[in-house]
Amino acid sequence: MQNKIHFNIFEKQKALKEELLLKIKKERLEIGYYGLPEQSIDEVLAFVETFDLKIDTIVVLGIGGSSLGSKAIYEFLKPVKNLKRKLLFFESTDPLNIKEILSQIEIEKSHFLVISKSGTTVETISIFKYLYAQQQDVSSYTFITDRESALDNFAKKIDAKVFYLPKDVGGRFSVLSVVGLLPLALCGVDITALLQGSSRVQESFFNDGYIKETLLNKAIFYAKYHTTYSINCLFAYTETLRYFSEWYVQIWGESLGKKQNDSAFHVGLTPIGLIGPKDQHSFLQLIVEGTRDKSVTFIKINDFENELEVPDVTLPFLEKLDILNGLTFHDLITMQSDSVIEALLEQRDIPLDEIIIERVDEESMGQLIYYYELLTSLVGQLINVNTYNQPGVESGKIILKEKLKNNRKKLNHKK
């Protein structure tokens, strides 16, 4: 993975960088995601080895951090990998969505992974109840949760298989834990290569490698100008990163949109996920000529390993477009992204950088995920927020549960 930065970097910020590194190294001892590249995956691989071959679909019941990461990786790899099983996700209480997903599966040939860190996630448990009423075969379910959670106790009660989240790994940072590794491994994803990719970034950052200065410079820039360039656009030039963009929106928004520690000030960086070249014909106009409050990161693939090309065909009245003839679509999409980058550089006041990943494979995605987790943590330290809590989300959950209690009382009263 390469990262080319096209905005002013901070060579003279030596003291700030040293202070930031000390904070991150201290945080590394307390926050569990930092160590995930080094974890043992023997339990996951053993489970996969003995898995029922008749199962053709893995279904994740989870929301947010319980689903977005594994979905991002699965959808990234699906176009180029011959995967063993389909992977589907129940992520919403929208009844139309539930019905649509149910129409795609045969319950007898499906295995359900019920994922909730707290064990009491309303969306996840409501959908699980609906499915469990139809299929009570314990072998159809595996649970992923915290030890001694309500869901853990239920799983033990019915003698179901349970995997536990590592200590101090928050939901949106959990994709490289069993939360993401188990469903992916069951579908045939090489999770060893995925972790090797994340390990490369980890080692490079903490052992003075190529990525250390890049991440420090980007984090310092984002933090210094977080009020000026408060919107961060991730412009991925491949459809395979559509769901990675959704994962990025969660980790960036939920981690950095906070009240500052020991302060009444509200801060944050607004994430926007874009896909090129489609969004060249919509959002790009706002970037080029709109308010100067956006930075842009382009993600490009160096080798699509696919040589589809525009045929040597001349069409009446479209002769001018014969310039496309014989061009591979790989080269075409690269030219499109490079042309947009050049156009933005001409503006001189739009901060942008390019991330170039080598190819569509597990190692590349492991690098990209760990890179963004580290960048999020670095920026969180610099803008002085608690990167790992989400009080704004929790307040809504508390109100919802109170409404559900009141609604239950009304129903009981009617009986």
Protein backbone atom coordinates (compact mmCIF):
# COMPACT_ATOMS: atom_id res chain seq x y z
CA MET A 1 0.00 0.00 0.00
CA GLN A 2 1.28 3.46 -0.96
CA ASN A 3 0.06 6.85 0.26
CA LYS A 4 0.90 9.99 -1.74
CA ILE A 5 0.13 13.23 0.10
CA HIS A 6 -0.50 16.39 -1.92
CA PHE A 7 -0.89 18.89 0.93
CA ASN A 8 1.65 20.60 3.17
CA ILE A 9 3.17 18.23 5.70
CA PHE A 10 4.77 19.02 9.00
CA GLU A 11 8.46 18.15 9.08
CA LYS A 12 9.01 20.70 11.88
CA GLN A 13 6.45 19.11 14.23
CA LYS A 14 9.01 16.77 15.80
CA ALA A 15 8.02 17.44 19.42
CA LEU A 16 4.31 17.04 18.66
CA LYS A 17 4.94 13.77 16.82
CA GLU A 18 7.00 12.39 19.68
CA GLU A 19 4.30 13.33 22.20
CA LEU A 20 1.60 11.78 20.01
CA LEU A 21 3.57 8.54 19.63
CA LEU A 22 4.00 8.27 23.39
CA LYS A 23 0.23 8.65 23.88
CA ILE A 24 -0.55 6.04 21.25
CA LYS A 25 1.97 3.58 22.69
CA LYS A 26 0.37 4.04 26.11
CA GLU A 27 -3.11 3.65 24.64
CA ARG A 28 -1.92 0.48 22.89
CA LEU A 29 -1.60 -1.18 26.32
CA GLU A 30 -5.26 -0.48 27.11
CA ILE A 31 -7.18 -0.64 23.82
CA GLY A 32 -7.51 -4.14 22.42
CA TYR A 33 -7.70 -3.58 18.67
CA TYR A 34 -4.02 -2.63 18.44
CA GLY A 35 -2.99 -6.22 19.18
CA LEU A 36 -5.44 -8.03 16.91
CA PRO A 37 -2.89 -8.67 14.12
CA GLU A 38 -0.95 -10.85 16.61
CA GLN A 39 -3.90 -12.89 17.91
CA SER A 40 -4.25 -16.66 17.68
CA ILE A 41 -6.95 -17.75 15.23
CA ASP A 42 -6.74 -21.46 16.04
CA GLU A 43 -10.24 -21.62 17.56
CA VAL A 44 -11.80 -20.00 14.49
CA LEU A 45 -9.92 -22.25 12.05
CA ALA A 46 -10.81 -25.38 14.06
CA PHE A 47 -14.50 -24.41 13.99
CA VAL A 48 -14.36 -23.85 10.23
CA GLU A 49 -12.62 -27.20 9.70
CA THR A 50 -15.50 -29.13 11.30
CA PHE A 51 -18.31 -27.01 9.85
CA ASP A 52 -21.34 -28.64 8.23
CA LEU A 53 -20.68 -28.87 4.49
CA LYS A 54 -24.41 -28.77 3.71
CA ILE A 55 -24.57 -25.13 4.82
CA ASP A 56 -24.44 -22.81 1.79
CA THR A 57 -25.20 -19.45 3.43
CA ILE A 58 -23.82 -17.65 6.46
CA VAL A 59 -26.20 -15.07 7.90
CA VAL A 60 -24.95 -12.38 10.28
CA LEU A 61 -27.42 -10.89 12.75
CA GLY A 62 -25.66 -7.72 13.83
CA ILE A 63 -25.59 -3.99 13.33
CA GLY A 64 -22.90 -1.33 13.02
CA GLY A 65 -19.54 -2.66 14.13
CA SER A 66 -20.95 -6.19 14.27
CA SER A 67 -21.55 -6.27 10.53
CA LEU A 68 -20.03 -3.37 8.57
CA GLY A 69 -16.43 -4.60 8.64
CA SER A 70 -17.05 -8.17 7.55
CA LYS A 71 -19.46 -6.93 4.89
CA ALA A 72 -16.81 -4.53 3.59
CA ILE A 73 -14.23 -7.30 3.27
CA TYR A 74 -16.64 -9.84 1.77
CA GLU A 75 -17.93 -7.43 -0.87
CA PHE A 76 -14.38 -6.31 -1.67
CA LEU A 77 -13.25 -9.86 -2.39
CA LYS A 78 -16.43 -11.35 -3.88
CA PRO A 79 -15.84 -10.26 -7.50
CA VAL A 80 -12.41 -11.95 -7.69
CA LYS A 81 -12.58 -14.86 -5.20
CA ASN A 82 -14.31 -18.20 -5.62
CA LEU A 83 -15.87 -18.13 -2.15
CA LYS A 84 -17.42 -21.23 -0.56
CA ARG A 85 -20.58 -19.70 0.83
CA LYS A 86 -22.78 -16.64 0.52
CA LEU A 87 -22.69 -14.08 3.31
CA LEU A 88 -25.85 -12.12 4.11
CA PHE A 89 -26.63 -9.59 6.83
CA PHE A 90 -29.67 -8.74 8.92
CA GLU A 91 -28.81 -5.16 9.93
CA SER A 92 -32.18 -3.44 10.19
CA THR A 93 -35.60 -3.80 11.77
CA ASP A 94 -37.13 -2.60 8.49
CA PRO A 95 -39.77 -5.32 7.85
CA LEU A 96 -39.36 -5.03 4.07
CA ASN A 97 -35.62 -5.59 4.39
CA ILE A 98 -36.15 -8.60 6.66
CA LYS A 99 -38.62 -10.11 4.21
CA GLU A 100 -36.28 -9.50 1.27
CA ILE A 101 -33.32 -11.21 2.98
CA LEU A 102 -35.47 -14.16 4.07
CA SER A 103 -36.47 -14.66 0.44
CA GLN A 104 -32.78 -15.25 -0.41
CA ILE A 105 -32.11 -18.06 2.08
CA GLU A 106 -33.16 -21.58 2.92
CA ILE A 107 -33.19 -21.75 6.70
CA GLU A 108 -32.18 -25.43 6.71
CA LYS A 109 -29.07 -24.63 4.64
CA SER A 110 -28.15 -21.49 6.55
CA HIS A 111 -26.10 -20.86 9.67
CA PHE A 112 -26.81 -17.78 11.77
CA LEU A 113 -24.15 -15.79 13.60
CA VAL A 114 -25.78 -13.70 16.32
CA ILE A 115 -23.38 -10.87 17.16
CA SER A 116 -23.88 -8.39 19.99
CA LYS A 117 -21.08 -7.16 22.23
CA SER A 118 -23.47 -6.08 24.98
CA GLY A 119 -25.78 -9.02 24.32
CA THR A 120 -28.84 -6.76 24.44
CA THR A 121 -28.79 -4.98 21.07
CA VAL A 122 -32.47 -4.34 20.29
CA GLU A 123 -32.19 -4.72 16.52
CA THR A 124 -30.19 -7.95 16.71
CA ILE A 125 -32.25 -9.66 19.40
CA SER A 126 -35.61 -8.75 17.81
CA ILE A 127 -34.54 -10.36 14.52
CA PHE A 128 -33.07 -13.36 16.36
CA LYS A 129 -36.39 -13.87 18.16
CA TYR A 130 -38.20 -13.87 14.82
CA LEU A 131 -35.84 -16.49 13.36
CA TYR A 132 -35.65 -18.59 16.51
CA ALA A 133 -39.43 -18.91 16.55
CA GLN A 134 -39.13 -20.62 13.16
CA GLN A 135 -35.90 -22.58 13.64
CA GLN A 136 -35.01 -23.76 17.15
CA ASP A 137 -32.30 -26.21 16.12
CA VAL A 138 -29.41 -25.08 18.31
CA SER A 139 -26.85 -26.20 15.72
CA SER A 140 -28.14 -23.45 13.39
CA TYR A 141 -26.76 -20.70 15.65
CA THR A 142 -23.41 -19.46 16.86
CA PHE A 143 -23.14 -16.49 19.21
CA ILE A 144 -20.46 -13.81 19.48
CA THR A 145 -20.65 -11.60 22.55
CA ASP A 146 -18.90 -10.48 25.73
CA ARG A 147 -18.38 -12.98 28.53
CA GLU A 148 -21.26 -13.10 31.01
CA SER A 149 -23.51 -10.91 28.85
CA ALA A 150 -27.23 -11.72 28.74
CA LEU A 151 -26.72 -13.28 25.30
CA ASP A 152 -23.83 -15.39 26.60
CA ASN A 153 -26.05 -16.70 29.41
CA PHE A 154 -28.81 -17.52 26.93
CA ALA A 155 -26.40 -19.35 24.62
CA LYS A 156 -25.09 -21.43 27.52
CA LYS A 157 -28.67 -22.21 28.52
CA ILE A 158 -29.43 -23.74 25.12
CA ASP A 159 -25.94 -25.30 24.89
CA ALA A 160 -24.94 -23.31 21.78
CA LYS A 161 -21.44 -22.48 20.59
CA VAL A 162 -20.17 -19.08 21.82
CA PHE A 163 -17.15 -17.04 20.75
CA TYR A 164 -16.03 -14.15 22.94
CA LEU A 165 -14.81 -10.72 21.90
CA PRO A 166 -11.29 -9.85 23.06
CA LYS A 167 -11.05 -7.53 26.03
CA ASP A 168 -11.28 -3.80 25.32
CA VAL A 169 -12.15 -4.13 21.63
CA GLY A 170 -15.03 -1.80 20.76
CA GLY A 171 -17.59 -2.70 18.14
CA ARG A 172 -16.41 -0.43 15.33
CA PHE A 173 -12.81 -1.56 15.87
CA SER A 174 -13.73 -5.26 15.99
CA VAL A 175 -13.57 -6.31 12.34
CA LEU A 176 -10.18 -8.01 12.76
CA SER A 177 -11.47 -9.93 15.80
CA VAL A 178 -13.72 -12.99 15.76
CA VAL A 179 -16.59 -10.64 14.84
CA GLY A 180 -15.22 -10.35 11.32
CA LEU A 181 -12.89 -13.33 11.11
CA LEU A 182 -15.48 -16.03 11.82
CA PRO A 183 -18.07 -15.18 9.14
CA LEU A 184 -15.32 -14.46 6.62
CA ALA A 185 -13.46 -17.71 7.31
CA LEU A 186 -16.70 -19.70 6.99
CA CYS A 187 -17.10 -18.20 3.52
CA GLY A 188 -13.58 -19.13 2.45
CA VAL A 189 -11.74 -15.85 3.01
CA ASP A 190 -8.05 -16.27 3.88
CA ILE A 191 -8.10 -14.66 7.31
CA THR A 192 -4.41 -15.44 7.85
CA ALA A 193 -3.54 -13.19 4.89
CA LEU A 194 -5.99 -10.56 6.17
CA LEU A 195 -4.17 -10.40 9.50
CA GLN A 196 -0.78 -10.44 7.78
CA GLY A 197 -1.82 -7.30 5.92
CA SER A 198 -2.82 -5.55 9.12
CA SER A 199 0.40 -6.73 10.75
CA ARG A 200 2.46 -5.09 8.00
CA VAL A 201 0.93 -1.69 8.79
CA GLN A 202 1.22 -2.28 12.54
CA GLU A 203 4.92 -3.15 12.30
CA SER A 204 5.64 -0.30 9.91
CA PHE A 205 4.03 2.27 12.20
CA PHE A 206 5.38 1.10 15.55
CA ASN A 207 8.85 0.16 14.24
CA ASP A 208 9.66 3.37 12.34
CA GLY A 209 8.67 2.02 8.94
CA TYR A 210 7.40 3.72 5.80
CA ILE A 211 3.86 4.37 7.05
CA LYS A 212 4.74 6.09 10.34
CA GLU A 213 5.50 9.57 9.01
CA THR A 214 2.60 9.43 6.58
CA LEU A 215 0.06 8.65 9.29
CA LEU A 216 1.50 11.21 11.70
CA ASN A 217 1.50 13.94 9.06
CA LYS A 218 -2.06 13.21 7.95
CA ALA A 219 -3.34 13.09 11.52
CA ILE A 220 -1.66 16.39 12.43
CA PHE A 221 -3.08 18.06 9.32
CA TYR A 222 -6.63 16.81 9.97
CA ALA A 223 -6.46 17.87 13.61
CA LYS A 224 -4.91 21.29 12.95
CA TYR A 225 -7.50 22.13 10.29
CA HIS A 226 -10.47 20.19 11.67
CA THR A 227 -12.62 23.33 11.75
CA THR A 228 -11.48 24.60 8.34
CA TYR A 229 -11.67 21.27 6.50
CA SER A 230 -14.33 19.63 8.62
CA ILE A 231 -15.53 17.25 5.89
CA ASN A 232 -13.39 14.30 4.81
CA CYS A 233 -14.31 12.68 1.50
CA LEU A 234 -13.13 9.16 0.76
CA PHE A 235 -13.23 8.82 -3.05
CA ALA A 236 -12.71 5.14 -3.93
CA TYR A 237 -12.18 4.32 -7.59
CA THR A 238 -13.60 0.81 -7.45
CA GLU A 239 -17.10 -0.47 -6.78
CA THR A 240 -15.58 -3.20 -4.60
CA LEU A 241 -14.93 -0.59 -1.87
CA ARG A 242 -18.55 0.58 -1.64
CA TYR A 243 -19.09 -1.13 1.71
CA PHE A 244 -15.63 -0.22 2.97
CA SER A 245 -16.82 3.39 2.58
CA GLU A 246 -19.74 2.59 4.90
CA TRP A 247 -17.34 1.11 7.46
CA TYR A 248 -15.15 4.22 7.18
CA VAL A 249 -18.16 6.49 7.76
CA GLN A 250 -18.93 4.68 11.00
CA ILE A 251 -15.42 4.52 12.43
CA TRP A 252 -14.66 8.14 11.51
CA GLY A 253 -18.00 9.64 12.54
CA GLU A 254 -18.68 7.66 15.71
CA SER A 255 -15.10 7.91 16.96
CA LEU A 256 -14.37 11.59 16.30
CA GLY A 257 -17.72 13.36 16.67
CA LYS A 258 -17.62 14.18 20.38
CA LYS A 259 -17.44 16.74 23.11
CA GLN A 260 -13.79 17.33 23.87
CA ASN A 261 -12.39 15.80 27.04
CA ASP A 262 -12.84 18.20 29.97
CA SER A 263 -14.42 20.76 27.67
CA ALA A 264 -17.84 21.96 26.53
CA PHE A 265 -16.71 22.26 22.91
CA HIS A 266 -18.18 19.94 20.29
CA VAL A 267 -15.75 18.76 17.62
CA GLY A 268 -15.70 16.25 14.81
CA LEU A 269 -14.82 15.44 11.23
CA THR A 270 -17.70 14.56 8.92
CA PRO A 271 -17.01 11.48 6.73
CA ILE A 272 -18.43 11.10 3.23
CA GLY A 273 -17.94 7.94 1.16
CA LEU A 274 -17.82 8.38 -2.63
CA ILE A 275 -17.36 5.90 -5.47
CA GLY A 276 -15.72 6.86 -8.74
CA PRO A 277 -16.34 7.32 -11.54
CA LYS A 278 -20.07 7.46 -10.68
CA ASP A 279 -19.74 10.30 -8.20
CA GLN A 280 -17.67 12.32 -10.68
CA HIS A 281 -21.06 13.08 -12.18
CA SER A 282 -22.61 14.32 -8.93
CA PHE A 283 -20.62 15.12 -5.78
CA LEU A 284 -17.44 16.17 -7.57
CA GLN A 285 -19.10 19.45 -8.61
CA LEU A 286 -19.53 20.35 -4.93
CA ILE A 287 -15.89 19.56 -4.20
CA VAL A 288 -14.52 21.59 -7.09
CA GLU A 289 -16.67 24.70 -6.82
CA GLY A 290 -18.40 24.44 -3.46
CA THR A 291 -17.38 25.67 -0.02
CA ARG A 292 -13.73 25.01 0.79
CA ASP A 293 -14.45 22.81 3.80
CA LYS A 294 -13.47 19.41 2.36
CA SER A 295 -10.36 17.27 2.15
CA VAL A 296 -10.31 14.33 -0.26
CA THR A 297 -8.59 10.95 -0.13
CA PHE A 298 -8.56 8.93 -3.35
CA ILE A 299 -8.22 5.15 -3.14
CA LYS A 300 -6.99 3.44 -6.29
CA ILE A 301 -6.14 -0.15 -7.19
CA ASN A 302 -2.80 -0.67 -8.88
CA ASP A 303 -3.67 -3.98 -10.54
CA PHE A 304 -7.27 -5.10 -11.14
CA GLU A 305 -5.92 -8.35 -12.64
CA ASN A 306 -8.61 -8.12 -15.30
CA GLU A 307 -7.95 -7.21 -18.92
CA LEU A 308 -11.46 -6.39 -20.15
CA GLU A 309 -11.09 -3.84 -22.91
CA VAL A 310 -13.20 -1.58 -25.09
CA PRO A 311 -13.58 -3.38 -28.46
CA ASP A 312 -12.26 -1.89 -31.69
CA VAL A 313 -15.68 -0.86 -32.92
CA THR A 314 -16.66 2.32 -34.75
CA LEU A 315 -20.21 3.56 -34.16
CA PRO A 316 -22.01 5.96 -36.54
CA PHE A 317 -22.00 9.54 -35.21
CA LEU A 318 -19.72 8.46 -32.32
CA GLU A 319 -16.48 8.30 -34.30
CA LYS A 320 -14.79 10.81 -31.98
CA LEU A 321 -15.00 8.24 -29.22
CA ASP A 322 -12.86 5.77 -31.15
CA ILE A 323 -10.12 7.09 -28.83
CA LEU A 324 -11.52 4.52 -26.39
CA ASN A 325 -10.94 1.56 -28.72
CA GLY A 326 -8.48 -1.02 -27.43
CA LEU A 327 -8.27 0.62 -24.00
CA THR A 328 -8.55 -1.69 -21.00
CA PHE A 329 -11.16 -0.73 -18.45
CA HIS A 330 -8.38 -0.90 -15.85
CA ASP A 331 -6.50 1.85 -17.68
CA LEU A 332 -9.69 3.82 -18.28
CA ILE A 333 -10.73 4.00 -14.62
CA THR A 334 -7.13 4.89 -13.64
CA MET A 335 -7.12 7.73 -16.21
CA GLN A 336 -10.45 8.95 -14.83
CA SER A 337 -9.18 9.09 -11.25
CA ASP A 338 -5.87 10.69 -12.28
CA SER A 339 -7.71 13.34 -14.32
CA VAL A 340 -9.87 14.28 -11.34
CA ILE A 341 -6.81 14.45 -9.08
CA GLU A 342 -5.03 16.76 -11.55
CA ALA A 343 -8.12 18.96 -11.79
CA LEU A 344 -8.32 19.28 -8.00
CA LEU A 345 -4.60 20.01 -7.68
CA GLU A 346 -5.09 22.96 -10.01
CA GLN A 347 -7.49 24.46 -7.44
CA ARG A 348 -4.57 24.69 -4.95
CA ASP A 349 -6.83 24.97 -1.90
CA ILE A 350 -8.33 21.47 -1.69
CA PRO A 351 -6.21 19.12 0.47
CA LEU A 352 -5.96 15.70 -1.12
CA ASP A 353 -3.97 12.50 -1.01
CA GLU A 354 -3.92 9.14 -2.80
CA ILE A 355 -3.92 5.66 -1.27
CA ILE A 356 -2.85 3.03 -3.79
CA ILE A 357 -3.53 -0.59 -2.90
CA GLU A 358 -1.75 -3.26 -4.87
CA ARG A 359 -4.62 -5.58 -5.76
CA VAL A 360 -8.00 -6.93 -4.64
CA ASP A 361 -6.97 -9.48 -2.03
CA GLU A 362 -7.08 -10.16 1.70
CA GLU A 363 -3.69 -8.67 2.50
CA SER A 364 -4.53 -5.36 0.82
CA MET A 365 -7.77 -5.07 2.78
CA GLY A 366 -6.04 -5.94 6.05
CA GLN A 367 -3.60 -3.08 5.43
CA LEU A 368 -6.35 -0.61 4.58
CA ILE A 369 -8.46 -1.42 7.64
CA TYR A 370 -5.60 -1.18 10.14
CA TYR A 371 -4.34 2.01 8.46
CA TYR A 372 -7.72 3.71 9.02
CA GLU A 373 -8.05 2.39 12.57
CA LEU A 374 -4.65 3.88 13.41
CA LEU A 375 -5.45 7.17 11.66
CA THR A 376 -8.71 7.43 13.62
CA SER A 377 -6.91 6.88 16.92
CA LEU A 378 -4.22 9.43 16.09
CA VAL A 379 -6.73 12.14 15.15
CA GLY A 380 -8.81 11.36 18.24
CA GLN A 381 -5.79 11.99 20.46
CA LEU A 382 -4.99 15.26 18.71
CA ILE A 383 -8.50 16.73 18.86
CA ASN A 384 -8.76 15.59 22.49
CA VAL A 385 -11.76 13.25 22.42
CA ASN A 386 -12.48 9.78 23.77
CA THR A 387 -12.18 7.88 20.50
CA TYR A 388 -13.74 4.69 21.87
CA ASN A 389 -17.03 5.71 23.47
CA GLN A 390 -20.31 6.78 21.83
CA PRO A 391 -22.50 8.64 24.35
CA GLY A 392 -24.51 10.25 21.56
CA VAL A 393 -25.57 6.80 20.37
CA GLU A 394 -26.17 5.43 23.84
CA SER A 395 -28.59 8.21 24.78
CA GLY A 396 -30.89 7.20 21.93
CA LYS A 397 -30.72 3.55 23.00
CA ILE A 398 -31.74 4.48 26.55
CA ILE A 399 -34.77 6.42 25.29
CA LEU A 400 -35.75 3.55 22.99
CA LYS A 401 -35.63 0.98 25.78
CA GLU A 402 -37.80 3.21 27.95
CA LYS A 403 -40.33 3.48 25.13
CA LEU A 404 -40.30 -0.31 24.73
CA LYS A 405 -40.94 -0.79 28.46
CA ASN A 406 -43.88 1.62 28.35
CA ASN A 407 -45.27 -0.07 25.27
CA ARG A 408 -45.02 -3.46 26.97
CA LYS A 409 -46.94 -2.14 29.98
CA LYS A 410 -49.71 -0.91 27.68
CA LEU A 411 -49.96 -4.30 25.98
CA ASN A 412 -50.10 -6.11 29.32
CA HIS A 413 -52.77 -3.74 30.53
CA LYS A 414 -54.94 -4.46 27.47
CA LYS A 415 -54.70 -8.18 28.18
